[in-house]
Amino acid sequence: MLYSICRSLLRIIYAVLFRFEAIGLENIPPTGPVVLCSNHISLLDPPTVGTPVNRMVHYMAKAELFAVPLFGPFIRSLGAFPVKRGGVSKEAIRTAIGLLKEGKVMGIFPEGSRSAGDSAGKKGAAMIALRSGATVIPVAIIGRYKIFRKMRIKYGKPIDLTAFIQDSSSDVLEQVTDVIMREIRNMVKEG
């Protein structure tokens, strides 16, 4: 309920302030596990990626945020869960895979932190996608968060990972990460 209310308010705010346009929403399956993999340019990216989507989108958020009074419980009620920064958080990965096995949607920023879009992706998104069997949708946030300037978000066609599912080579996660990041970068360049 709270998620739906916040999403409706954000849709209005984004439409007015950023003249926001969402393209390719039909590429997101209406049911089943989905990983939305997006570029990361701002702190506003999680609501930007999730607001147009008609399904609840779950995110990892740095563990310190959950210790902030009122804010921690608020973001938890919106589907966020903690991840420890600076290393692999096995608990966060288990939580993400568990949510996807339940048929939910995860939003992930493969670059790990905000960048201009040219940094290498980290392997976490690839590992979570392969282990859960989720559909991977590349997402491109295009434009800057400038008031009354047009901004666009594109949801691409699902990335076919069937060639990697049975691959047990040591670099399979790197290969999948490269495929995901290439799709995102191509979408950003296309505008």
N, C-alpha and C. Protein backbone atom coordinates (compact mmCIF):
# COMPACT_ATOMS: atom_id res chain seq x y z
N MET A 1 0.83 -1.20 0.00
CA MET A 1 0.00 0.00 0.00
C MET A 1 0.88 1.27 0.00
N LEU A 2 1.83 1.33 0.94
CA LEU A 2 2.72 2.50 1.01
C LEU A 2 3.52 2.63 -0.29
N TYR A 3 3.98 1.49 -0.81
CA TYR A 3 4.75 1.51 -2.05
C TYR A 3 3.92 2.10 -3.19
N SER A 4 2.67 1.68 -3.32
CA SER A 4 1.79 2.18 -4.38
C SER A 4 1.54 3.67 -4.26
N ILE A 5 1.35 4.14 -3.03
CA ILE A 5 1.12 5.58 -2.79
C ILE A 5 2.37 6.37 -3.19
N CYS A 6 3.54 5.92 -2.72
CA CYS A 6 4.79 6.62 -3.05
C CYS A 6 5.04 6.61 -4.55
N ARG A 7 4.79 5.48 -5.20
CA ARG A 7 5.00 5.37 -6.65
C ARG A 7 4.09 6.35 -7.39
N SER A 8 2.82 6.45 -6.98
CA SER A 8 1.89 7.37 -7.65
C SER A 8 2.33 8.82 -7.48
N LEU A 9 2.76 9.19 -6.27
CA LEU A 9 3.24 10.56 -6.04
C LEU A 9 4.49 10.85 -6.87
N LEU A 10 5.41 9.89 -6.91
CA LEU A 10 6.64 10.10 -7.68
C LEU A 10 6.37 10.20 -9.17
N ARG A 11 5.40 9.47 -9.67
CA ARG A 11 5.06 9.58 -11.09
C ARG A 11 4.64 11.00 -11.44
N ILE A 12 3.87 11.61 -10.56
CA ILE A 12 3.43 13.01 -10.79
C ILE A 12 4.63 13.96 -10.70
N ILE A 13 5.42 13.80 -9.65
CA ILE A 13 6.58 14.68 -9.44
C ILE A 13 7.56 14.58 -10.62
N TYR A 14 7.86 13.35 -11.04
CA TYR A 14 8.80 13.15 -12.15
C TYR A 14 8.24 13.75 -13.46
N ALA A 15 6.95 13.57 -13.69
CA ALA A 15 6.34 14.09 -14.91
C ALA A 15 6.42 15.62 -14.95
N VAL A 16 6.20 16.25 -13.81
CA VAL A 16 6.20 17.72 -13.76
C VAL A 16 7.62 18.28 -13.74
N LEU A 17 8.46 17.78 -12.85
CA LEU A 17 9.79 18.36 -12.67
C LEU A 17 10.78 18.00 -13.77
N PHE A 18 10.73 16.74 -14.24
CA PHE A 18 11.74 16.30 -15.20
C PHE A 18 11.18 16.00 -16.57
N ARG A 19 9.90 16.31 -16.79
CA ARG A 19 9.23 15.98 -18.06
C ARG A 19 9.60 14.56 -18.46
N PHE A 20 9.43 13.67 -17.51
CA PHE A 20 9.91 12.30 -17.55
C PHE A 20 9.16 11.44 -18.56
N GLU A 21 9.91 10.66 -19.33
CA GLU A 21 9.32 9.76 -20.31
C GLU A 21 9.92 8.37 -20.12
N ALA A 22 9.05 7.36 -20.01
CA ALA A 22 9.49 5.97 -19.88
C ALA A 22 9.17 5.23 -21.17
N ILE A 23 10.18 4.54 -21.72
CA ILE A 23 10.04 3.83 -22.99
C ILE A 23 10.37 2.35 -22.76
N GLY A 24 9.60 1.47 -23.37
CA GLY A 24 9.90 0.04 -23.34
C GLY A 24 9.37 -0.72 -22.14
N LEU A 25 8.40 -0.15 -21.43
CA LEU A 25 7.84 -0.85 -20.27
C LEU A 25 7.25 -2.20 -20.65
N GLU A 26 6.82 -2.33 -21.91
CA GLU A 26 6.24 -3.60 -22.37
C GLU A 26 7.28 -4.73 -22.37
N ASN A 27 8.56 -4.40 -22.27
CA ASN A 27 9.62 -5.41 -22.24
C ASN A 27 9.74 -6.09 -20.88
N ILE A 28 9.11 -5.52 -19.86
CA ILE A 28 9.18 -6.09 -18.51
C ILE A 28 8.06 -7.12 -18.36
N PRO A 29 8.41 -8.38 -18.10
CA PRO A 29 7.37 -9.39 -17.93
C PRO A 29 6.43 -9.03 -16.79
N PRO A 30 5.12 -9.28 -16.95
CA PRO A 30 4.16 -8.93 -15.90
C PRO A 30 4.24 -9.85 -14.68
N THR A 31 4.85 -11.03 -14.84
CA THR A 31 5.01 -11.96 -13.73
C THR A 31 6.38 -12.60 -13.83
N GLY A 32 6.79 -13.25 -12.77
CA GLY A 32 8.06 -13.98 -12.75
C GLY A 32 9.22 -13.10 -12.34
N PRO A 33 10.37 -13.75 -12.07
CA PRO A 33 11.54 -13.01 -11.59
C PRO A 33 12.17 -12.14 -12.67
N VAL A 34 12.48 -10.90 -12.29
CA VAL A 34 13.08 -9.95 -13.23
C VAL A 34 14.20 -9.19 -12.51
N VAL A 35 15.32 -9.02 -13.21
CA VAL A 35 16.40 -8.16 -12.73
C VAL A 35 16.50 -6.98 -13.69
N LEU A 36 16.26 -5.78 -13.18
CA LEU A 36 16.42 -4.55 -13.95
C LEU A 36 17.84 -4.06 -13.70
N CYS A 37 18.68 -4.08 -14.73
CA CYS A 37 20.09 -3.67 -14.61
C CYS A 37 20.26 -2.31 -15.26
N SER A 38 20.60 -1.30 -14.47
CA SER A 38 20.65 0.07 -14.96
C SER A 38 22.00 0.74 -14.75
N ASN A 39 22.26 1.76 -15.58
CA ASN A 39 23.39 2.65 -15.31
C ASN A 39 23.06 3.43 -14.04
N HIS A 40 24.06 4.07 -13.45
CA HIS A 40 23.89 4.72 -12.15
C HIS A 40 24.54 6.09 -12.17
N ILE A 41 23.70 7.15 -12.24
CA ILE A 41 24.23 8.50 -12.34
C ILE A 41 23.91 9.39 -11.14
N SER A 42 22.96 8.96 -10.29
CA SER A 42 22.51 9.83 -9.21
C SER A 42 21.90 9.02 -8.06
N LEU A 43 21.79 9.64 -6.90
CA LEU A 43 21.09 9.04 -5.77
C LEU A 43 19.61 8.83 -6.09
N LEU A 44 19.09 9.56 -7.06
CA LEU A 44 17.68 9.44 -7.44
C LEU A 44 17.38 8.24 -8.33
N ASP A 45 18.42 7.51 -8.75
CA ASP A 45 18.22 6.42 -9.70
C ASP A 45 17.28 5.31 -9.23
N PRO A 46 17.35 4.85 -7.97
CA PRO A 46 16.42 3.77 -7.58
C PRO A 46 14.95 4.14 -7.80
N PRO A 47 14.48 5.30 -7.32
CA PRO A 47 13.08 5.61 -7.63
C PRO A 47 12.84 5.87 -9.11
N THR A 48 13.85 6.37 -9.82
CA THR A 48 13.71 6.61 -11.25
C THR A 48 13.45 5.31 -12.00
N VAL A 49 14.21 4.27 -11.67
CA VAL A 49 14.06 2.98 -12.33
C VAL A 49 12.74 2.32 -11.94
N GLY A 50 12.37 2.42 -10.67
CA GLY A 50 11.18 1.71 -10.19
C GLY A 50 9.85 2.40 -10.39
N THR A 51 9.82 3.72 -10.42
CA THR A 51 8.56 4.46 -10.47
C THR A 51 7.69 4.11 -11.68
N PRO A 52 8.21 4.01 -12.90
CA PRO A 52 7.34 3.70 -14.03
C PRO A 52 6.81 2.26 -14.07
N VAL A 53 7.48 1.36 -13.34
CA VAL A 53 7.18 -0.07 -13.40
C VAL A 53 5.94 -0.37 -12.56
N ASN A 54 5.04 -1.20 -13.09
CA ASN A 54 3.81 -1.52 -12.38
C ASN A 54 3.97 -2.62 -11.35
N ARG A 55 5.18 -3.11 -11.18
CA ARG A 55 5.47 -4.11 -10.16
C ARG A 55 6.39 -3.48 -9.11
N MET A 56 6.35 -4.00 -7.89
CA MET A 56 7.24 -3.50 -6.84
C MET A 56 8.68 -3.90 -7.18
N VAL A 57 9.59 -2.93 -7.10
CA VAL A 57 11.00 -3.18 -7.40
C VAL A 57 11.79 -3.12 -6.09
N HIS A 58 12.54 -4.17 -5.80
CA HIS A 58 13.35 -4.26 -4.58
C HIS A 58 14.79 -3.86 -4.90
N TYR A 59 15.44 -3.24 -3.91
CA TYR A 59 16.82 -2.78 -4.07
C TYR A 59 17.65 -3.14 -2.86
N MET A 60 18.95 -3.31 -3.12
CA MET A 60 19.92 -3.36 -2.03
C MET A 60 20.26 -1.91 -1.71
N ALA A 61 20.43 -1.61 -0.44
CA ALA A 61 20.86 -0.27 -0.04
C ALA A 61 21.93 -0.42 1.03
N LYS A 62 22.85 0.52 1.08
CA LYS A 62 23.95 0.37 2.03
C LYS A 62 23.41 0.25 3.45
N ALA A 63 24.00 -0.65 4.20
CA ALA A 63 23.51 -1.02 5.53
C ALA A 63 23.36 0.18 6.47
N GLU A 64 24.24 1.18 6.32
CA GLU A 64 24.20 2.35 7.21
C GLU A 64 22.86 3.09 7.14
N LEU A 65 22.21 3.04 5.99
CA LEU A 65 20.93 3.75 5.84
C LEU A 65 19.84 3.16 6.73
N PHE A 66 19.93 1.88 7.05
CA PHE A 66 18.91 1.23 7.86
C PHE A 66 19.03 1.59 9.34
N ALA A 67 20.15 2.20 9.72
CA ALA A 67 20.34 2.65 11.10
C ALA A 67 19.80 4.05 11.33
N VAL A 68 19.43 4.75 10.27
CA VAL A 68 18.92 6.12 10.39
C VAL A 68 17.47 6.04 10.88
N PRO A 69 17.18 6.68 12.03
CA PRO A 69 15.81 6.63 12.55
C PRO A 69 14.79 7.12 11.51
N LEU A 70 13.67 6.47 11.46
CA LEU A 70 12.56 6.71 10.53
C LEU A 70 12.89 6.34 9.08
N PHE A 71 14.05 6.77 8.60
CA PHE A 71 14.40 6.50 7.21
C PHE A 71 14.63 5.01 6.97
N GLY A 72 15.35 4.34 7.89
CA GLY A 72 15.61 2.91 7.76
C GLY A 72 14.34 2.09 7.63
N PRO A 73 13.40 2.24 8.58
CA PRO A 73 12.15 1.49 8.46
C PRO A 73 11.33 1.89 7.21
N PHE A 74 11.44 3.16 6.82
CA PHE A 74 10.71 3.62 5.63
C PHE A 74 11.21 2.92 4.37
N ILE A 75 12.53 2.88 4.16
CA ILE A 75 13.03 2.25 2.94
C ILE A 75 12.83 0.73 2.97
N ARG A 76 12.87 0.15 4.17
CA ARG A 76 12.60 -1.29 4.29
C ARG A 76 11.16 -1.58 3.87
N SER A 77 10.23 -0.71 4.25
CA SER A 77 8.82 -0.92 3.88
C SER A 77 8.60 -0.72 2.38
N LEU A 78 9.56 -0.06 1.71
CA LEU A 78 9.48 0.12 0.26
C LEU A 78 10.22 -0.98 -0.51
N GLY A 79 10.67 -2.01 0.21
CA GLY A 79 11.29 -3.16 -0.45
C GLY A 79 12.80 -3.17 -0.47
N ALA A 80 13.44 -2.22 0.20
CA ALA A 80 14.91 -2.21 0.24
C ALA A 80 15.40 -3.17 1.32
N PHE A 81 16.61 -3.69 1.13
CA PHE A 81 17.23 -4.52 2.14
C PHE A 81 18.72 -4.19 2.18
N PRO A 82 19.37 -4.42 3.35
CA PRO A 82 20.75 -3.94 3.53
C PRO A 82 21.82 -4.79 2.84
N VAL A 83 22.86 -4.09 2.41
CA VAL A 83 24.07 -4.73 1.88
C VAL A 83 25.25 -4.03 2.52
N LYS A 84 26.23 -4.83 2.96
CA LYS A 84 27.46 -4.25 3.52
C LYS A 84 28.34 -3.84 2.38
N ARG A 85 28.89 -2.65 2.46
CA ARG A 85 29.75 -2.15 1.40
C ARG A 85 31.18 -2.58 1.61
N GLY A 86 31.93 -2.64 0.50
CA GLY A 86 33.35 -2.93 0.60
C GLY A 86 33.69 -4.41 0.46
N GLY A 87 32.71 -5.22 0.21
CA GLY A 87 32.99 -6.65 0.05
C GLY A 87 31.73 -7.37 -0.39
N VAL A 88 31.83 -8.67 -0.52
CA VAL A 88 30.68 -9.46 -0.93
C VAL A 88 29.81 -9.70 0.29
N SER A 89 28.56 -9.32 0.20
CA SER A 89 27.62 -9.55 1.28
C SER A 89 26.79 -10.77 0.94
N LYS A 90 27.19 -11.92 1.50
CA LYS A 90 26.49 -13.17 1.20
C LYS A 90 25.02 -13.10 1.60
N GLU A 91 24.75 -12.44 2.70
CA GLU A 91 23.36 -12.32 3.16
C GLU A 91 22.51 -11.53 2.16
N ALA A 92 23.07 -10.44 1.63
CA ALA A 92 22.33 -9.63 0.65
C ALA A 92 22.10 -10.43 -0.64
N ILE A 93 23.09 -11.20 -1.05
CA ILE A 93 22.93 -12.02 -2.26
C ILE A 93 21.87 -13.08 -2.04
N ARG A 94 21.88 -13.72 -0.86
CA ARG A 94 20.85 -14.71 -0.53
C ARG A 94 19.46 -14.09 -0.55
N THR A 95 19.35 -12.88 0.02
CA THR A 95 18.06 -12.19 0.04
C THR A 95 17.59 -11.89 -1.37
N ALA A 96 18.50 -11.38 -2.22
CA ALA A 96 18.15 -11.05 -3.60
C ALA A 96 17.69 -12.29 -4.36
N ILE A 97 18.43 -13.37 -4.25
CA ILE A 97 18.06 -14.60 -4.96
C ILE A 97 16.73 -15.13 -4.42
N GLY A 98 16.53 -15.04 -3.11
CA GLY A 98 15.27 -15.48 -2.50
C GLY A 98 14.08 -14.69 -3.04
N LEU A 99 14.23 -13.37 -3.15
CA LEU A 99 13.15 -12.53 -3.70
C LEU A 99 12.84 -12.93 -5.13
N LEU A 100 13.88 -13.16 -5.91
CA LEU A 100 13.68 -13.54 -7.31
C LEU A 100 13.05 -14.93 -7.42
N LYS A 101 13.44 -15.85 -6.56
CA LYS A 101 12.83 -17.19 -6.58
C LYS A 101 11.35 -17.11 -6.24
N GLU A 102 10.95 -16.05 -5.54
CA GLU A 102 9.53 -15.82 -5.23
C GLU A 102 8.82 -15.11 -6.39
N GLY A 103 9.57 -14.82 -7.48
CA GLY A 103 8.96 -14.20 -8.65
C GLY A 103 8.91 -12.68 -8.59
N LYS A 104 9.76 -12.07 -7.77
CA LYS A 104 9.74 -10.61 -7.61
C LYS A 104 10.72 -9.93 -8.55
N VAL A 105 10.76 -8.60 -8.45
CA VAL A 105 11.61 -7.77 -9.31
C VAL A 105 12.71 -7.12 -8.47
N MET A 106 13.96 -7.21 -8.97
CA MET A 106 15.09 -6.56 -8.32
C MET A 106 15.63 -5.47 -9.24
N GLY A 107 15.98 -4.34 -8.67
CA GLY A 107 16.69 -3.30 -9.40
C GLY A 107 18.15 -3.33 -8.96
N ILE A 108 19.06 -3.43 -9.93
CA ILE A 108 20.49 -3.52 -9.61
C ILE A 108 21.27 -2.56 -10.50
N PHE A 109 22.28 -1.93 -9.91
CA PHE A 109 23.18 -1.06 -10.65
C PHE A 109 24.52 -1.78 -10.74
N PRO A 110 24.79 -2.47 -11.86
CA PRO A 110 25.98 -3.31 -11.96
C PRO A 110 27.30 -2.57 -11.72
N GLU A 111 27.32 -1.25 -11.96
CA GLU A 111 28.56 -0.50 -11.73
C GLU A 111 28.87 -0.40 -10.23
N GLY A 112 27.87 -0.64 -9.40
CA GLY A 112 28.07 -0.62 -7.95
C GLY A 112 27.95 0.75 -7.33
N SER A 113 28.51 1.76 -7.96
CA SER A 113 28.41 3.12 -7.45
C SER A 113 28.17 4.05 -8.63
N ARG A 114 27.85 5.29 -8.32
CA ARG A 114 27.54 6.24 -9.39
C ARG A 114 28.77 6.48 -10.26
N SER A 115 28.52 6.62 -11.57
CA SER A 115 29.62 6.88 -12.50
C SER A 115 29.08 7.57 -13.74
N ALA A 116 29.97 7.93 -14.62
CA ALA A 116 29.58 8.55 -15.88
C ALA A 116 29.17 7.51 -16.91
N GLY A 117 29.12 6.24 -16.50
CA GLY A 117 28.70 5.18 -17.40
C GLY A 117 29.83 4.46 -18.10
N ASP A 118 31.04 4.78 -17.72
CA ASP A 118 32.17 4.15 -18.40
C ASP A 118 32.97 3.23 -17.48
N SER A 119 32.49 3.03 -16.26
CA SER A 119 33.22 2.13 -15.36
C SER A 119 32.78 0.68 -15.60
N ALA A 120 33.63 -0.24 -15.20
CA ALA A 120 33.33 -1.66 -15.40
C ALA A 120 32.23 -2.10 -14.45
N GLY A 121 31.41 -3.02 -14.92
CA GLY A 121 30.38 -3.57 -14.06
C GLY A 121 30.96 -4.59 -13.10
N LYS A 122 30.31 -4.73 -11.96
CA LYS A 122 30.70 -5.75 -11.00
C LYS A 122 29.89 -7.02 -11.29
N LYS A 123 30.38 -8.16 -10.83
CA LYS A 123 29.80 -9.45 -11.21
C LYS A 123 28.54 -9.83 -10.42
N GLY A 124 28.16 -9.07 -9.41
CA GLY A 124 27.02 -9.43 -8.56
C GLY A 124 25.72 -9.59 -9.32
N ALA A 125 25.43 -8.67 -10.22
CA ALA A 125 24.17 -8.74 -10.98
C ALA A 125 24.13 -10.00 -11.83
N ALA A 126 25.25 -10.33 -12.46
CA ALA A 126 25.33 -11.53 -13.30
C ALA A 126 25.13 -12.78 -12.46
N MET A 127 25.77 -12.84 -11.30
CA MET A 127 25.64 -14.01 -10.43
C MET A 127 24.20 -14.17 -9.96
N ILE A 128 23.58 -13.08 -9.52
CA ILE A 128 22.20 -13.14 -9.04
C ILE A 128 21.26 -13.57 -10.17
N ALA A 129 21.45 -13.02 -11.36
CA ALA A 129 20.60 -13.37 -12.50
C ALA A 129 20.74 -14.84 -12.87
N LEU A 130 21.96 -15.33 -12.96
CA LEU A 130 22.18 -16.72 -13.35
C LEU A 130 21.68 -17.70 -12.29
N ARG A 131 21.93 -17.40 -11.03
CA ARG A 131 21.51 -18.32 -9.96
C ARG A 131 19.99 -18.35 -9.79
N SER A 132 19.34 -17.26 -10.08
CA SER A 132 17.88 -17.20 -9.87
C SER A 132 17.09 -17.58 -11.11
N GLY A 133 17.74 -17.54 -12.28
CA GLY A 133 17.02 -17.79 -13.53
C GLY A 133 16.11 -16.64 -13.93
N ALA A 134 16.37 -15.46 -13.40
CA ALA A 134 15.52 -14.29 -13.68
C ALA A 134 15.73 -13.75 -15.09
N THR A 135 14.72 -13.09 -15.60
CA THR A 135 14.82 -12.35 -16.85
C THR A 135 15.61 -11.08 -16.57
N VAL A 136 16.61 -10.80 -17.41
CA VAL A 136 17.43 -9.60 -17.24
C VAL A 136 16.99 -8.55 -18.25
N ILE A 137 16.60 -7.39 -17.75
CA ILE A 137 16.18 -6.25 -18.58
C ILE A 137 17.22 -5.15 -18.42
N PRO A 138 17.90 -4.75 -19.51
CA PRO A 138 18.82 -3.62 -19.41
C PRO A 138 18.02 -2.32 -19.33
N VAL A 139 18.49 -1.39 -18.54
CA VAL A 139 17.79 -0.12 -18.34
C VAL A 139 18.79 1.02 -18.52
N ALA A 140 18.37 2.06 -19.23
CA ALA A 140 19.24 3.23 -19.45
C ALA A 140 18.53 4.49 -18.97
N ILE A 141 19.17 5.17 -18.04
CA ILE A 141 18.69 6.49 -17.60
C ILE A 141 19.42 7.50 -18.48
N ILE A 142 18.64 8.28 -19.23
CA ILE A 142 19.21 9.19 -20.22
C ILE A 142 18.85 10.63 -19.86
N GLY A 143 19.85 11.46 -19.74
CA GLY A 143 19.63 12.85 -19.34
C GLY A 143 20.15 13.08 -17.93
N ARG A 144 19.94 14.26 -17.45
CA ARG A 144 20.37 14.65 -16.10
C ARG A 144 19.15 15.12 -15.32
N TYR A 145 19.26 15.06 -14.02
CA TYR A 145 18.18 15.50 -13.15
C TYR A 145 18.20 17.02 -13.04
N LYS A 146 17.75 17.68 -14.10
CA LYS A 146 17.65 19.14 -14.10
C LYS A 146 16.18 19.50 -14.25
N ILE A 147 15.73 20.35 -13.39
CA ILE A 147 14.31 20.69 -13.35
C ILE A 147 13.86 21.27 -14.69
N PHE A 148 12.73 20.76 -15.14
CA PHE A 148 12.05 21.16 -16.38
C PHE A 148 12.84 20.83 -17.64
N ARG A 149 13.84 19.96 -17.53
CA ARG A 149 14.55 19.46 -18.70
C ARG A 149 14.09 18.03 -18.93
N LYS A 150 13.87 17.69 -20.17
CA LYS A 150 13.36 16.35 -20.48
C LYS A 150 14.35 15.27 -20.08
N MET A 151 13.80 14.22 -19.48
CA MET A 151 14.59 13.08 -19.06
C MET A 151 13.89 11.82 -19.53
N ARG A 152 14.67 10.80 -19.84
CA ARG A 152 14.09 9.59 -20.39
C ARG A 152 14.69 8.36 -19.71
N ILE A 153 13.88 7.32 -19.58
CA ILE A 153 14.37 6.04 -19.12
C ILE A 153 13.90 4.99 -20.11
N LYS A 154 14.84 4.14 -20.54
CA LYS A 154 14.52 3.11 -21.52
C LYS A 154 14.71 1.73 -20.89
N TYR A 155 13.69 0.89 -21.07
CA TYR A 155 13.75 -0.50 -20.64
C TYR A 155 13.93 -1.33 -21.90
N GLY A 156 15.08 -1.99 -22.03
CA GLY A 156 15.39 -2.74 -23.23
C GLY A 156 14.74 -4.10 -23.27
N LYS A 157 14.94 -4.77 -24.37
CA LYS A 157 14.43 -6.14 -24.52
C LYS A 157 15.23 -7.06 -23.60
N PRO A 158 14.61 -8.16 -23.14
CA PRO A 158 15.34 -9.10 -22.26
C PRO A 158 16.64 -9.58 -22.91
N ILE A 159 17.67 -9.70 -22.09
CA ILE A 159 18.96 -10.20 -22.57
C ILE A 159 18.93 -11.73 -22.51
N ASP A 160 19.25 -12.35 -23.61
CA ASP A 160 19.24 -13.81 -23.69
C ASP A 160 20.53 -14.36 -23.07
N LEU A 161 20.39 -15.03 -21.93
CA LEU A 161 21.54 -15.58 -21.23
C LEU A 161 21.60 -17.11 -21.34
N THR A 162 20.80 -17.70 -22.23
CA THR A 162 20.76 -19.16 -22.33
C THR A 162 22.14 -19.76 -22.63
N ALA A 163 22.96 -19.07 -23.39
CA ALA A 163 24.28 -19.59 -23.73
C ALA A 163 25.18 -19.70 -22.50
N PHE A 164 24.84 -18.99 -21.42
CA PHE A 164 25.69 -18.96 -20.24
C PHE A 164 25.20 -19.86 -19.10
N ILE A 165 23.96 -20.33 -19.19
CA ILE A 165 23.36 -21.06 -18.06
C ILE A 165 24.15 -22.32 -17.70
N GLN A 166 24.56 -23.10 -18.69
CA GLN A 166 25.30 -24.33 -18.42
C GLN A 166 26.82 -24.12 -18.43
N ASP A 167 27.26 -22.89 -18.66
CA ASP A 167 28.69 -22.60 -18.74
C ASP A 167 29.30 -22.63 -17.33
N SER A 168 30.29 -23.46 -17.15
CA SER A 168 30.93 -23.55 -15.83
C SER A 168 32.35 -22.98 -15.84
N SER A 169 32.67 -22.24 -16.90
CA SER A 169 34.03 -21.67 -16.98
C SER A 169 34.22 -20.61 -15.89
N SER A 170 35.46 -20.36 -15.56
CA SER A 170 35.77 -19.44 -14.47
C SER A 170 35.42 -17.99 -14.78
N ASP A 171 35.28 -17.68 -16.06
CA ASP A 171 35.01 -16.28 -16.41
C ASP A 171 33.56 -16.05 -16.88
N VAL A 172 32.66 -16.98 -16.59
CA VAL A 172 31.27 -16.83 -17.06
C VAL A 172 30.61 -15.58 -16.49
N LEU A 173 30.86 -15.27 -15.22
CA LEU A 173 30.24 -14.07 -14.62
C LEU A 173 30.77 -12.80 -15.28
N GLU A 174 32.04 -12.82 -15.60
CA GLU A 174 32.63 -11.67 -16.30
C GLU A 174 32.01 -11.50 -17.69
N GLN A 175 31.81 -12.61 -18.39
CA GLN A 175 31.20 -12.56 -19.72
C GLN A 175 29.77 -12.01 -19.65
N VAL A 176 28.99 -12.51 -18.69
CA VAL A 176 27.60 -12.04 -18.55
C VAL A 176 27.58 -10.57 -18.16
N THR A 177 28.47 -10.17 -17.26
CA THR A 177 28.56 -8.76 -16.86
C THR A 177 28.87 -7.89 -18.07
N ASP A 178 29.79 -8.32 -18.91
CA ASP A 178 30.14 -7.56 -20.12
C ASP A 178 28.94 -7.43 -21.05
N VAL A 179 28.18 -8.49 -21.22
CA VAL A 179 26.99 -8.45 -22.08
C VAL A 179 25.98 -7.44 -21.54
N ILE A 180 25.73 -7.50 -20.24
CA ILE A 180 24.77 -6.58 -19.61
C ILE A 180 25.23 -5.13 -19.76
N MET A 181 26.50 -4.87 -19.44
CA MET A 181 27.01 -3.50 -19.50
C MET A 181 27.03 -2.98 -20.94
N ARG A 182 27.34 -3.83 -21.91
CA ARG A 182 27.33 -3.41 -23.32
C ARG A 182 25.92 -2.97 -23.74
N GLU A 183 24.91 -3.75 -23.34
CA GLU A 183 23.52 -3.39 -23.67
C GLU A 183 23.15 -2.04 -23.07
N ILE A 184 23.48 -1.86 -21.79
CA ILE A 184 23.15 -0.59 -21.12
C ILE A 184 23.85 0.58 -21.82
N ARG A 185 25.14 0.44 -22.09
CA ARG A 185 25.90 1.53 -22.74
C ARG A 185 25.36 1.84 -24.13
N ASN A 186 25.00 0.81 -24.89
CA ASN A 186 24.43 1.04 -26.23
C ASN A 186 23.13 1.81 -26.15
N MET A 187 22.29 1.47 -25.17
CA MET A 187 21.02 2.18 -24.99
C MET A 187 21.24 3.64 -24.60
N VAL A 188 22.23 3.89 -23.74
CA VAL A 188 22.54 5.27 -23.34
C VAL A 188 23.02 6.06 -24.55
N LYS A 189 23.89 5.47 -25.37
CA LYS A 189 24.42 6.16 -26.56
C LYS A 189 23.32 6.47 -27.56
N GLU A 190 22.37 5.53 -27.72
CA GLU A 190 21.27 5.74 -28.67
C GLU A 190 20.36 6.88 -28.24
N GLY A 191 20.33 7.10 -26.91
CA GLY A 191 19.51 8.19 -26.38
C GLY A 191 18.10 7.90 -26.30
